[in-house]
Amino acid sequence: MRLLTVVGLCAACFVPLAGAAEEDPLVQMVVDLVKDDDAEMRGVGFEQVRTQAPGEAATLAFAALLPELRPDAQAGLLAALGERGDKVARPAALQMLKGDHPVEVKVAAAGALSKLGSADDVPRLVELLAEEDAALAAAARQSLQRLLGEAVNAQIVRIWQEKEVSDETAVSLMELLAARRAFDAMPALLDAAVSDSAAIRRAAMQALSDLAGPEQLPGMIQGALKAEPGREREAAEKAIAAVCERVDDPNARAAPLIKAIAAAPAESRLALIPLLGRVGGPQARAVVELALRAPAAPFQDQAVSALCNWPDASVAPRILQLAKNHPDKGQRIAALRAVMRIAVLSDERTDEARLELLKKAMRLATRDEDRKLAIDRARAVRTLASLNFVMERLDESALTEAVCWTIVELAHHRELRNSDEARFHEALDKVLAVSKDPITRERATKYKKGETWSGKDR
């Protein structure tokens, strides 16, 4: 009853401020509610802080209560002041970030700065990113991501460029710039892409993959060349490919990349050929085929790598040919595994065509690890034909567990399982007879009963 009465009074007392906040009856009522010992009453007061009693004087009156309140009430009032969005409460929020205030209060203060703060608060929020308390660091990160103002991005960049911050902090700042869609930070990100720090290079390239356009490709190519061969180089190439994806015409996506590669130093162009494969398209294919026919073996090897990186199945016949006939065993294996990758990609091909390509690759496989890969890929083609394909290999001891896992993966899809319940029951019975894996056996048992398996894949 008391709560309902107070709510009614709050609505009845809402009049525009005519003078000082302390003379306004609504302000005084809200102050009393916020100071109340009852949490429910304080909640009503916080809601009034958010939505009622407009004006800076009222905001200052509410903010002045902070030192008088217990920690949970301080946190609630800070959140309400943040949502109120009146920046005259900023000094009060900053004050609550100082000293030995409880973490819950500091979390609320950091969160309130997302609406109350300015670019001047970026350094303090950046410091909080390194806090041991995860909630406080997360609140600071969220405020940095949401903070408005033309100078905010520049301030974030300045901190990582001019101050001595850890690589971990620099990485966090670049992630924030990407989340903020900070297109004005791209020059700084391009500089970071050729940093001597691998962590900073990776973060810069990832941020650029979200923000950059074709005009930034030359700089990103320098980042790819600076990257260490292996995982870092692959990640850099994927970042560049993501930028090329933004070219609307799929047949022209490689054009800006080819232009950028042509402008690169001659000694660097060889290393960039595999990158063309990640973009694909007829223009990239023409360049790769030229490299494949080059007399120098390094160009041929890079061309094979490009074809193995291809994003679609258009090059499947060419890669299959390489998997059969390439004179180098390592390149044959790479091509074979690439066929298995692209065979099951979702595109305009029929399920029958996808599975047939996988079968062709399987017939070329001589190593158990490659044959296991083919069995594993078959689960992406959700048809009875795929089930029959893997069942044919169930008696091969080196492949048994891989086959069993693919069977239960196919059986996981109820509609497919129900399309030929007898065949699936037969397959699941065989899984239970030969598999030694407890998770595989558990899944087979549940699917035979028509139940859902809620566990996680290995």
Protein backbone atom coordinates (compact mmCIF):
# COMPACT_ATOMS: atom_id res chain seq x y z
CA MET A 1 0.00 0.00 0.00
CA ARG A 2 2.83 2.37 0.89
CA LEU A 3 4.49 1.73 -2.49
CA LEU A 4 1.29 2.39 -4.43
CA THR A 5 0.69 5.60 -2.48
CA VAL A 6 4.20 6.84 -3.19
CA VAL A 7 3.91 6.05 -6.89
CA GLY A 8 0.66 8.01 -7.04
CA LEU A 9 2.17 10.93 -5.20
CA CYS A 10 5.20 10.96 -7.49
CA ALA A 11 2.94 11.25 -10.52
CA ALA A 12 0.77 13.89 -8.89
CA CYS A 13 3.72 15.98 -7.77
CA PHE A 14 5.44 16.05 -11.17
CA VAL A 15 5.55 19.72 -12.13
CA PRO A 16 8.25 21.64 -14.02
CA LEU A 17 10.97 23.05 -11.81
CA ALA A 18 10.18 26.66 -11.00
CA GLY A 19 13.15 27.35 -8.76
CA ALA A 20 15.95 25.60 -6.93
CA ALA A 21 15.85 21.82 -6.79
CA GLU A 22 15.45 21.76 -3.03
CA GLU A 23 12.23 23.79 -3.37
CA ASP A 24 10.66 21.36 -5.80
CA PRO A 25 8.37 18.87 -4.03
CA LEU A 26 9.07 16.09 -6.51
CA VAL A 27 12.83 16.44 -6.08
CA GLN A 28 12.49 16.27 -2.32
CA MET A 29 10.21 13.24 -2.58
CA VAL A 30 12.70 11.47 -4.87
CA VAL A 31 15.52 12.30 -2.46
CA ASP A 32 13.54 10.81 0.39
CA LEU A 33 12.80 7.67 -1.62
CA VAL A 34 16.43 7.17 -2.61
CA LYS A 35 17.46 7.51 1.06
CA ASP A 36 14.78 5.08 2.26
CA ASP A 37 15.94 1.94 4.07
CA ASP A 38 13.48 -0.19 2.10
CA ALA A 39 14.97 -1.51 -1.17
CA GLU A 40 11.61 -1.45 -2.94
CA MET A 41 11.09 2.18 -2.08
CA ARG A 42 14.59 3.03 -3.25
CA GLY A 43 13.80 1.31 -6.52
CA VAL A 44 10.88 3.68 -7.02
CA GLY A 45 13.21 6.58 -6.30
CA PHE A 46 15.77 5.37 -8.82
CA GLU A 47 13.08 5.17 -11.47
CA GLN A 48 12.11 8.75 -10.74
CA VAL A 49 15.76 9.79 -11.03
CA ARG A 50 15.85 8.21 -14.48
CA THR A 51 12.70 9.77 -15.86
CA GLN A 52 11.38 12.69 -13.80
CA ALA A 53 12.33 16.12 -12.40
CA PRO A 54 14.24 17.43 -15.41
CA GLY A 55 17.03 19.94 -15.07
CA GLU A 56 20.61 20.22 -13.90
CA ALA A 57 19.66 21.42 -10.42
CA ALA A 58 17.67 18.24 -9.77
CA THR A 59 20.51 16.11 -11.14
CA LEU A 60 22.98 17.78 -8.78
CA ALA A 61 20.63 17.27 -5.86
CA PHE A 62 20.40 13.55 -6.64
CA ALA A 63 24.15 13.18 -7.19
CA ALA A 64 24.86 14.91 -3.89
CA LEU A 65 23.20 11.99 -2.11
CA LEU A 66 25.90 9.50 -3.13
CA PRO A 67 28.24 9.94 -0.13
CA GLU A 68 25.33 9.44 2.29
CA LEU A 69 24.14 6.12 0.92
CA ARG A 70 25.08 2.53 1.61
CA PRO A 71 27.00 0.77 -1.20
CA ASP A 72 24.06 -1.02 -2.82
CA ALA A 73 22.09 2.22 -2.89
CA GLN A 74 25.11 4.08 -4.29
CA ALA A 75 25.32 1.53 -7.10
CA GLY A 76 21.60 1.86 -7.83
CA LEU A 77 21.72 5.65 -7.88
CA LEU A 78 24.80 5.70 -10.13
CA ALA A 79 23.04 3.43 -12.62
CA ALA A 80 19.99 5.70 -12.53
CA LEU A 81 22.09 8.84 -13.02
CA GLY A 82 23.81 7.18 -15.95
CA GLU A 83 20.48 6.43 -17.62
CA ARG A 84 19.30 9.95 -16.82
CA GLY A 85 22.19 11.08 -19.02
CA ASP A 86 22.72 14.55 -17.52
CA LYS A 87 26.46 15.15 -17.69
CA VAL A 88 26.51 17.40 -14.64
CA ALA A 89 26.54 14.14 -12.66
CA ARG A 90 29.90 13.18 -14.21
CA PRO A 91 32.10 14.54 -11.38
CA ALA A 92 30.12 12.54 -8.84
CA ALA A 93 30.55 9.35 -10.87
CA LEU A 94 34.29 9.96 -11.22
CA GLN A 95 34.56 10.52 -7.47
CA MET A 96 33.03 7.11 -6.81
CA LEU A 97 35.79 5.52 -8.89
CA LYS A 98 38.37 6.80 -6.44
CA GLY A 99 39.45 5.53 -3.06
CA ASP A 100 38.31 2.34 -1.42
CA HIS A 101 34.72 2.24 -2.53
CA PRO A 102 33.36 -1.31 -2.92
CA VAL A 103 33.71 -2.93 -6.32
CA GLU A 104 29.96 -2.90 -6.95
CA VAL A 105 30.00 0.90 -6.60
CA LYS A 106 32.98 1.29 -8.93
CA VAL A 107 31.33 -1.00 -11.48
CA ALA A 108 28.21 1.18 -11.43
CA ALA A 109 30.31 4.35 -11.68
CA ALA A 110 32.27 3.02 -14.65
CA GLY A 111 29.03 2.01 -16.30
CA ALA A 112 27.46 5.41 -15.72
CA LEU A 113 30.34 7.07 -17.56
CA SER A 114 29.15 5.48 -20.79
CA LYS A 115 26.45 8.18 -20.81
CA LEU A 116 27.98 10.83 -18.57
CA GLY A 117 31.61 10.74 -19.63
CA SER A 118 33.69 12.38 -22.32
CA ALA A 119 36.96 11.81 -24.15
CA ASP A 120 38.73 13.15 -21.05
CA ASP A 121 37.64 10.02 -19.19
CA VAL A 122 39.19 7.59 -21.66
CA PRO A 123 42.54 7.33 -19.80
CA ARG A 124 40.85 6.42 -16.51
CA LEU A 125 38.61 3.86 -18.17
CA VAL A 126 41.59 2.36 -19.99
CA GLU A 127 43.36 1.94 -16.65
CA LEU A 128 40.36 -0.02 -15.42
CA LEU A 129 40.71 -2.52 -18.27
CA ALA A 130 43.64 -4.01 -16.37
CA GLU A 131 41.67 -4.43 -13.12
CA GLU A 132 41.72 -7.89 -11.61
CA ASP A 133 38.01 -7.73 -10.95
CA ALA A 134 36.38 -8.99 -14.15
CA ALA A 135 33.12 -7.09 -13.61
CA LEU A 136 34.92 -3.76 -13.21
CA ALA A 137 37.09 -4.36 -16.28
CA ALA A 138 33.99 -5.35 -18.27
CA ALA A 139 32.11 -2.21 -17.17
CA ALA A 140 35.04 -0.05 -18.27
CA ARG A 141 35.20 -1.84 -21.61
CA GLN A 142 31.48 -1.35 -22.18
CA SER A 143 31.70 2.35 -21.36
CA LEU A 144 34.65 2.81 -23.70
CA GLN A 145 32.68 1.10 -26.44
CA ARG A 146 29.60 3.29 -25.92
CA LEU A 147 31.23 6.61 -25.06
CA LEU A 148 30.18 9.37 -27.45
CA GLY A 149 32.27 12.23 -28.75
CA GLU A 150 34.37 13.01 -31.79
CA ALA A 151 37.61 12.92 -29.79
CA VAL A 152 37.09 9.52 -28.15
CA ASN A 153 38.62 7.43 -30.92
CA ALA A 154 41.61 9.75 -31.19
CA GLN A 155 42.12 9.54 -27.44
CA ILE A 156 42.09 5.73 -27.54
CA VAL A 157 44.64 5.75 -30.36
CA ARG A 158 46.82 8.28 -28.55
CA ILE A 159 46.98 6.13 -25.43
CA TRP A 160 48.27 3.08 -27.25
CA GLN A 161 50.64 5.04 -29.48
CA GLU A 162 52.07 7.54 -27.00
CA LYS A 163 51.85 5.82 -23.64
CA GLU A 164 53.62 2.69 -22.51
CA VAL A 165 50.80 0.19 -22.33
CA SER A 166 51.08 -3.57 -22.38
CA ASP A 167 50.48 -5.50 -25.57
CA GLU A 168 47.41 -6.94 -23.88
CA THR A 169 45.97 -3.47 -23.30
CA ALA A 170 46.85 -2.36 -26.84
CA VAL A 171 45.03 -5.40 -28.21
CA SER A 172 41.98 -4.53 -26.10
CA LEU A 173 42.02 -0.98 -27.43
CA MET A 174 42.12 -2.15 -31.03
CA GLU A 175 39.22 -4.50 -30.36
CA LEU A 176 37.33 -1.54 -28.91
CA LEU A 177 38.03 0.57 -31.99
CA ALA A 178 36.61 -2.16 -34.18
CA ALA A 179 33.52 -2.42 -31.96
CA ARG A 180 33.13 1.38 -32.10
CA ARG A 181 33.31 1.28 -35.92
CA ALA A 182 36.20 3.74 -35.64
CA PHE A 183 36.92 4.31 -39.32
CA ASP A 184 39.01 7.34 -38.42
CA ALA A 185 41.45 5.02 -36.62
CA MET A 186 42.43 3.06 -39.73
CA PRO A 187 45.74 4.91 -40.34
CA ALA A 188 46.83 3.95 -36.83
CA LEU A 189 45.66 0.37 -37.32
CA LEU A 190 47.61 0.10 -40.57
CA ASP A 191 50.72 1.25 -38.70
CA ALA A 192 50.04 -1.36 -36.02
CA ALA A 193 49.66 -4.07 -38.66
CA VAL A 194 53.43 -3.90 -39.28
CA SER A 195 54.38 -3.69 -35.61
CA ASP A 196 57.24 -5.78 -34.27
CA SER A 197 54.78 -7.34 -31.84
CA ALA A 198 52.91 -10.34 -33.24
CA ALA A 199 50.00 -9.81 -30.82
CA ILE A 200 49.55 -6.21 -31.94
CA ARG A 201 49.84 -7.16 -35.62
CA ARG A 202 47.16 -9.81 -35.26
CA ALA A 203 44.79 -7.47 -33.41
CA ALA A 204 45.31 -4.69 -35.96
CA MET A 205 44.61 -6.98 -38.90
CA GLN A 206 41.50 -8.34 -37.20
CA ALA A 207 40.22 -4.81 -36.57
CA LEU A 208 40.96 -3.86 -40.16
CA SER A 209 39.04 -6.89 -41.39
CA ASP A 210 35.97 -5.30 -39.77
CA LEU A 211 36.61 -1.71 -40.81
CA ALA A 212 38.74 -1.50 -43.96
CA GLY A 213 37.73 -1.08 -47.58
CA PRO A 214 39.59 -1.83 -50.81
CA GLU A 215 41.58 1.40 -50.48
CA GLN A 216 43.27 -0.01 -47.35
CA LEU A 217 44.39 -3.22 -49.08
CA PRO A 218 47.93 -2.04 -49.92
CA GLY A 219 48.58 -1.35 -46.25
CA MET A 220 47.00 -4.62 -45.19
CA ILE A 221 49.19 -6.48 -47.67
CA GLN A 222 52.19 -5.04 -45.86
CA GLY A 223 50.70 -6.47 -42.68
CA ALA A 224 50.36 -9.88 -44.30
CA LEU A 225 53.98 -9.76 -45.44
CA LYS A 226 55.12 -8.77 -41.95
CA ALA A 227 53.19 -11.69 -40.41
CA GLU A 228 55.06 -14.83 -39.50
CA PRO A 229 54.42 -17.70 -41.95
CA GLY A 230 51.93 -20.14 -40.55
CA ARG A 231 48.90 -19.26 -38.44
CA GLU A 232 49.60 -15.56 -38.26
CA ARG A 233 50.02 -15.27 -42.02
CA GLU A 234 46.86 -17.31 -42.60
CA ALA A 235 44.89 -15.06 -40.22
CA ALA A 236 46.21 -11.96 -42.02
CA GLU A 237 45.21 -13.39 -45.39
CA LYS A 238 41.72 -14.16 -44.10
CA ALA A 239 41.41 -10.58 -42.86
CA ILE A 240 42.26 -9.31 -46.34
CA ALA A 241 39.84 -11.75 -47.92
CA ALA A 242 37.10 -10.42 -45.61
CA VAL A 243 37.72 -6.91 -46.96
CA CYS A 244 37.55 -8.13 -50.56
CA GLU A 245 34.21 -9.77 -49.75
CA ARG A 246 32.76 -6.28 -49.48
CA VAL A 247 33.12 -5.76 -53.22
CA ASP A 248 29.56 -6.29 -54.45
CA ASP A 249 30.45 -7.99 -57.73
CA PRO A 250 31.84 -11.46 -56.90
CA ASN A 251 33.58 -11.58 -60.27
CA ALA A 252 35.47 -8.38 -59.46
CA ARG A 253 36.41 -9.00 -55.84
CA ALA A 254 39.98 -9.86 -56.67
CA ALA A 255 40.54 -6.74 -58.78
CA PRO A 256 41.66 -4.38 -55.99
CA LEU A 257 43.79 -7.14 -54.50
CA ILE A 258 45.50 -7.86 -57.84
CA LYS A 259 46.16 -4.16 -58.22
CA ALA A 260 47.65 -3.94 -54.73
CA ILE A 261 49.81 -7.02 -55.32
CA ALA A 262 51.08 -5.55 -58.59
CA ALA A 263 52.19 -2.45 -56.66
CA ALA A 264 54.01 -4.50 -54.04
CA PRO A 265 57.80 -5.02 -54.26
CA ALA A 266 58.70 -7.69 -56.80
CA GLU A 267 60.35 -9.84 -54.15
CA SER A 268 57.09 -9.92 -52.18
CA ARG A 269 54.68 -10.90 -54.92
CA LEU A 270 55.48 -14.60 -54.77
CA ALA A 271 54.43 -14.75 -51.11
CA LEU A 272 51.08 -13.13 -51.97
CA ILE A 273 49.89 -15.68 -54.53
CA PRO A 274 48.15 -17.93 -51.94
CA LEU A 275 46.18 -14.88 -50.80
CA LEU A 276 44.46 -14.73 -54.19
CA GLY A 277 43.02 -18.15 -53.53
CA ARG A 278 41.24 -16.96 -50.41
CA VAL A 279 39.37 -14.36 -52.48
CA GLY A 280 38.60 -16.50 -55.53
CA GLY A 281 36.80 -15.42 -58.65
CA PRO A 282 37.76 -15.56 -62.33
CA GLN A 283 40.34 -12.76 -62.16
CA ALA A 284 42.23 -14.43 -59.34
CA ARG A 285 41.94 -17.79 -61.10
CA ALA A 286 43.62 -16.39 -64.22
CA VAL A 287 46.60 -15.14 -62.21
CA VAL A 288 46.90 -18.41 -60.30
CA GLU A 289 46.81 -20.49 -63.46
CA LEU A 290 49.64 -18.40 -64.90
CA ALA A 291 51.67 -19.08 -61.77
CA LEU A 292 50.82 -22.77 -61.98
CA ARG A 293 52.32 -22.90 -65.48
CA ALA A 294 55.41 -20.89 -64.56
CA PRO A 295 58.73 -22.65 -65.08
CA ALA A 296 59.93 -21.84 -61.55
CA ALA A 297 58.86 -24.38 -58.92
CA PRO A 298 58.24 -21.76 -56.17
CA PHE A 299 55.54 -20.10 -58.29
CA GLN A 300 53.93 -23.48 -58.98
CA ASP A 301 53.93 -24.37 -55.28
CA GLN A 302 52.34 -21.07 -54.31
CA ALA A 303 49.73 -21.53 -57.03
CA VAL A 304 48.80 -24.92 -55.59
CA SER A 305 48.46 -23.29 -52.18
CA ALA A 306 46.18 -20.68 -53.72
CA LEU A 307 43.92 -23.31 -55.25
CA CYS A 308 43.83 -25.17 -51.94
CA ASN A 309 42.63 -21.96 -50.27
CA TRP A 310 39.79 -21.43 -52.77
CA PRO A 311 36.49 -20.38 -51.15
CA ASP A 312 34.17 -22.40 -53.40
CA ALA A 313 33.98 -25.60 -55.41
CA SER A 314 34.55 -24.01 -58.83
CA VAL A 315 38.16 -25.23 -58.82
CA ALA A 316 37.31 -28.77 -57.71
CA PRO A 317 38.19 -30.47 -61.03
CA ARG A 318 41.54 -28.66 -61.13
CA ILE A 319 42.44 -29.55 -57.55
CA LEU A 320 41.33 -33.14 -58.06
CA GLN A 321 43.66 -33.32 -61.04
CA LEU A 322 46.53 -32.06 -58.88
CA ALA A 323 45.66 -34.58 -56.18
CA LYS A 324 46.03 -37.34 -58.78
CA ASN A 325 48.99 -36.19 -60.83
CA HIS A 326 51.17 -33.66 -59.05
CA PRO A 327 54.73 -35.00 -58.93
CA ASP A 328 55.27 -33.89 -55.34
CA LYS A 329 53.68 -36.11 -52.68
CA GLY A 330 53.19 -33.25 -50.24
CA GLN A 331 51.35 -31.20 -52.82
CA ARG A 332 49.19 -34.20 -53.77
CA ILE A 333 48.18 -34.59 -50.12
CA ALA A 334 47.45 -30.87 -49.73
CA ALA A 335 45.31 -30.91 -52.87
CA LEU A 336 43.47 -34.03 -51.73
CA ARG A 337 42.57 -32.52 -48.38
CA ALA A 338 41.46 -29.34 -50.13
CA VAL A 339 39.09 -31.39 -52.30
CA MET A 340 37.63 -32.90 -49.14
CA ARG A 341 37.14 -29.43 -47.70
CA ILE A 342 35.37 -27.92 -50.67
CA ALA A 343 33.44 -31.08 -51.58
CA VAL A 344 30.84 -30.50 -48.87
CA LEU A 345 30.58 -26.70 -49.02
CA SER A 346 27.00 -25.48 -49.19
CA ASP A 347 26.28 -24.03 -52.62
CA GLU A 348 24.07 -24.59 -55.64
CA ARG A 349 25.31 -28.17 -56.15
CA THR A 350 23.07 -31.09 -55.24
CA ASP A 351 23.80 -33.31 -52.26
CA GLU A 352 24.54 -36.09 -54.72
CA ALA A 353 27.21 -34.01 -56.46
CA ARG A 354 28.80 -33.00 -53.17
CA LEU A 355 28.98 -36.58 -51.95
CA GLU A 356 30.29 -37.84 -55.29
CA LEU A 357 33.21 -35.42 -55.13
CA LEU A 358 33.98 -36.59 -51.61
CA LYS A 359 33.92 -40.20 -52.82
CA LYS A 360 36.39 -39.37 -55.58
CA ALA A 361 38.73 -37.88 -53.00
CA MET A 362 38.30 -40.93 -50.78
CA ARG A 363 39.34 -43.23 -53.61
CA LEU A 364 42.60 -41.29 -53.94
CA ALA A 365 43.38 -41.35 -50.23
CA THR A 366 46.15 -43.70 -49.12
CA ARG A 367 46.74 -42.41 -45.60
CA ASP A 368 44.40 -43.20 -42.70
CA GLU A 369 44.33 -39.58 -41.57
CA ASP A 370 43.06 -38.51 -44.98
CA ARG A 371 40.47 -41.27 -45.10
CA LYS A 372 39.29 -40.26 -41.62
CA LEU A 373 38.92 -36.70 -42.85
CA ALA A 374 36.69 -37.85 -45.69
CA ILE A 375 34.55 -39.84 -43.25
CA ASP A 376 34.26 -36.82 -41.00
CA ARG A 377 33.31 -34.50 -43.88
CA ALA A 378 30.50 -36.83 -44.91
CA ARG A 379 28.42 -35.72 -41.95
CA ALA A 380 27.93 -32.35 -43.68
CA VAL A 381 25.95 -34.07 -46.45
CA ARG A 382 22.84 -35.07 -44.54
CA THR A 383 21.46 -37.85 -46.71
CA LEU A 384 20.93 -41.58 -46.51
CA ALA A 385 23.55 -41.90 -49.23
CA SER A 386 26.11 -40.41 -46.83
CA LEU A 387 25.12 -42.93 -44.19
CA ASN A 388 25.60 -45.77 -46.67
CA PHE A 389 28.93 -44.31 -47.79
CA VAL A 390 30.44 -44.35 -44.31
CA MET A 391 28.86 -47.68 -43.37
CA GLU A 392 30.93 -49.31 -46.10
CA ARG A 393 34.06 -48.45 -44.07
CA LEU A 394 32.83 -49.58 -40.66
CA ASP A 395 34.83 -52.82 -40.71
CA GLU A 396 38.14 -51.05 -41.37
CA SER A 397 39.69 -50.92 -37.90
CA ALA A 398 41.60 -47.69 -38.51
CA LEU A 399 38.36 -45.94 -39.45
CA THR A 400 35.85 -47.58 -37.11
CA GLU A 401 35.54 -44.82 -34.51
CA ALA A 402 35.47 -42.10 -37.16
CA VAL A 403 32.66 -43.94 -38.96
CA CYS A 404 30.73 -44.42 -35.72
CA TRP A 405 30.99 -40.75 -34.87
CA THR A 406 29.75 -39.69 -38.31
CA ILE A 407 26.84 -42.14 -38.03
CA VAL A 408 25.67 -40.61 -34.74
CA GLU A 409 26.20 -37.13 -36.16
CA LEU A 410 23.88 -37.98 -39.05
CA ALA A 411 21.43 -39.65 -36.69
CA HIS A 412 21.34 -36.50 -34.59
CA HIS A 413 19.08 -34.95 -37.25
CA ARG A 414 15.67 -36.35 -36.42
CA GLU A 415 14.10 -35.66 -39.80
CA LEU A 416 16.88 -37.58 -41.57
CA ARG A 417 16.77 -40.36 -39.00
CA ASN A 418 13.02 -40.74 -39.39
CA SER A 419 13.26 -40.85 -43.18
CA ASP A 420 14.51 -44.46 -42.94
CA GLU A 421 14.20 -45.51 -39.33
CA ALA A 422 15.06 -49.14 -40.03
CA ARG A 423 18.33 -48.29 -41.76
CA PHE A 424 19.38 -45.95 -38.98
CA HIS A 425 18.51 -48.51 -36.31
CA GLU A 426 20.67 -51.02 -38.15
CA ALA A 427 23.53 -48.51 -38.28
CA LEU A 428 23.17 -47.55 -34.62
CA ASP A 429 23.13 -51.22 -33.58
CA LYS A 430 26.45 -51.66 -35.36
CA VAL A 431 27.83 -48.58 -33.61
CA LEU A 432 26.88 -50.09 -30.25
CA ALA A 433 28.53 -53.34 -31.26
CA VAL A 434 31.91 -51.92 -32.26
CA SER A 435 32.48 -48.48 -30.76
CA LYS A 436 34.59 -48.13 -27.64
CA ASP A 437 33.85 -44.42 -27.23
CA PRO A 438 31.38 -43.86 -24.33
CA ILE A 439 29.96 -40.65 -25.79
CA THR A 440 29.38 -42.26 -29.19
CA ARG A 441 27.65 -45.20 -27.49
CA GLU A 442 25.51 -42.90 -25.35
CA ARG A 443 24.35 -41.00 -28.39
CA ALA A 444 23.58 -44.15 -30.35
CA THR A 445 21.48 -45.47 -27.46
CA LYS A 446 19.48 -42.26 -27.15
CA TYR A 447 18.83 -41.97 -30.88
CA LYS A 448 17.58 -45.58 -31.01
CA LYS A 449 15.04 -44.61 -28.35
CA GLY A 450 14.06 -41.49 -30.29
CA GLU A 451 15.54 -39.28 -27.58
CA THR A 452 17.55 -36.08 -27.91
CA TRP A 453 21.20 -36.01 -26.92
CA SER A 454 21.96 -32.82 -25.00
CA GLY A 455 25.67 -33.27 -24.41
CA LYS A 456 28.50 -31.45 -26.15
CA ASP A 457 30.53 -32.74 -29.05
CA ARG A 458 34.04 -33.82 -28.34
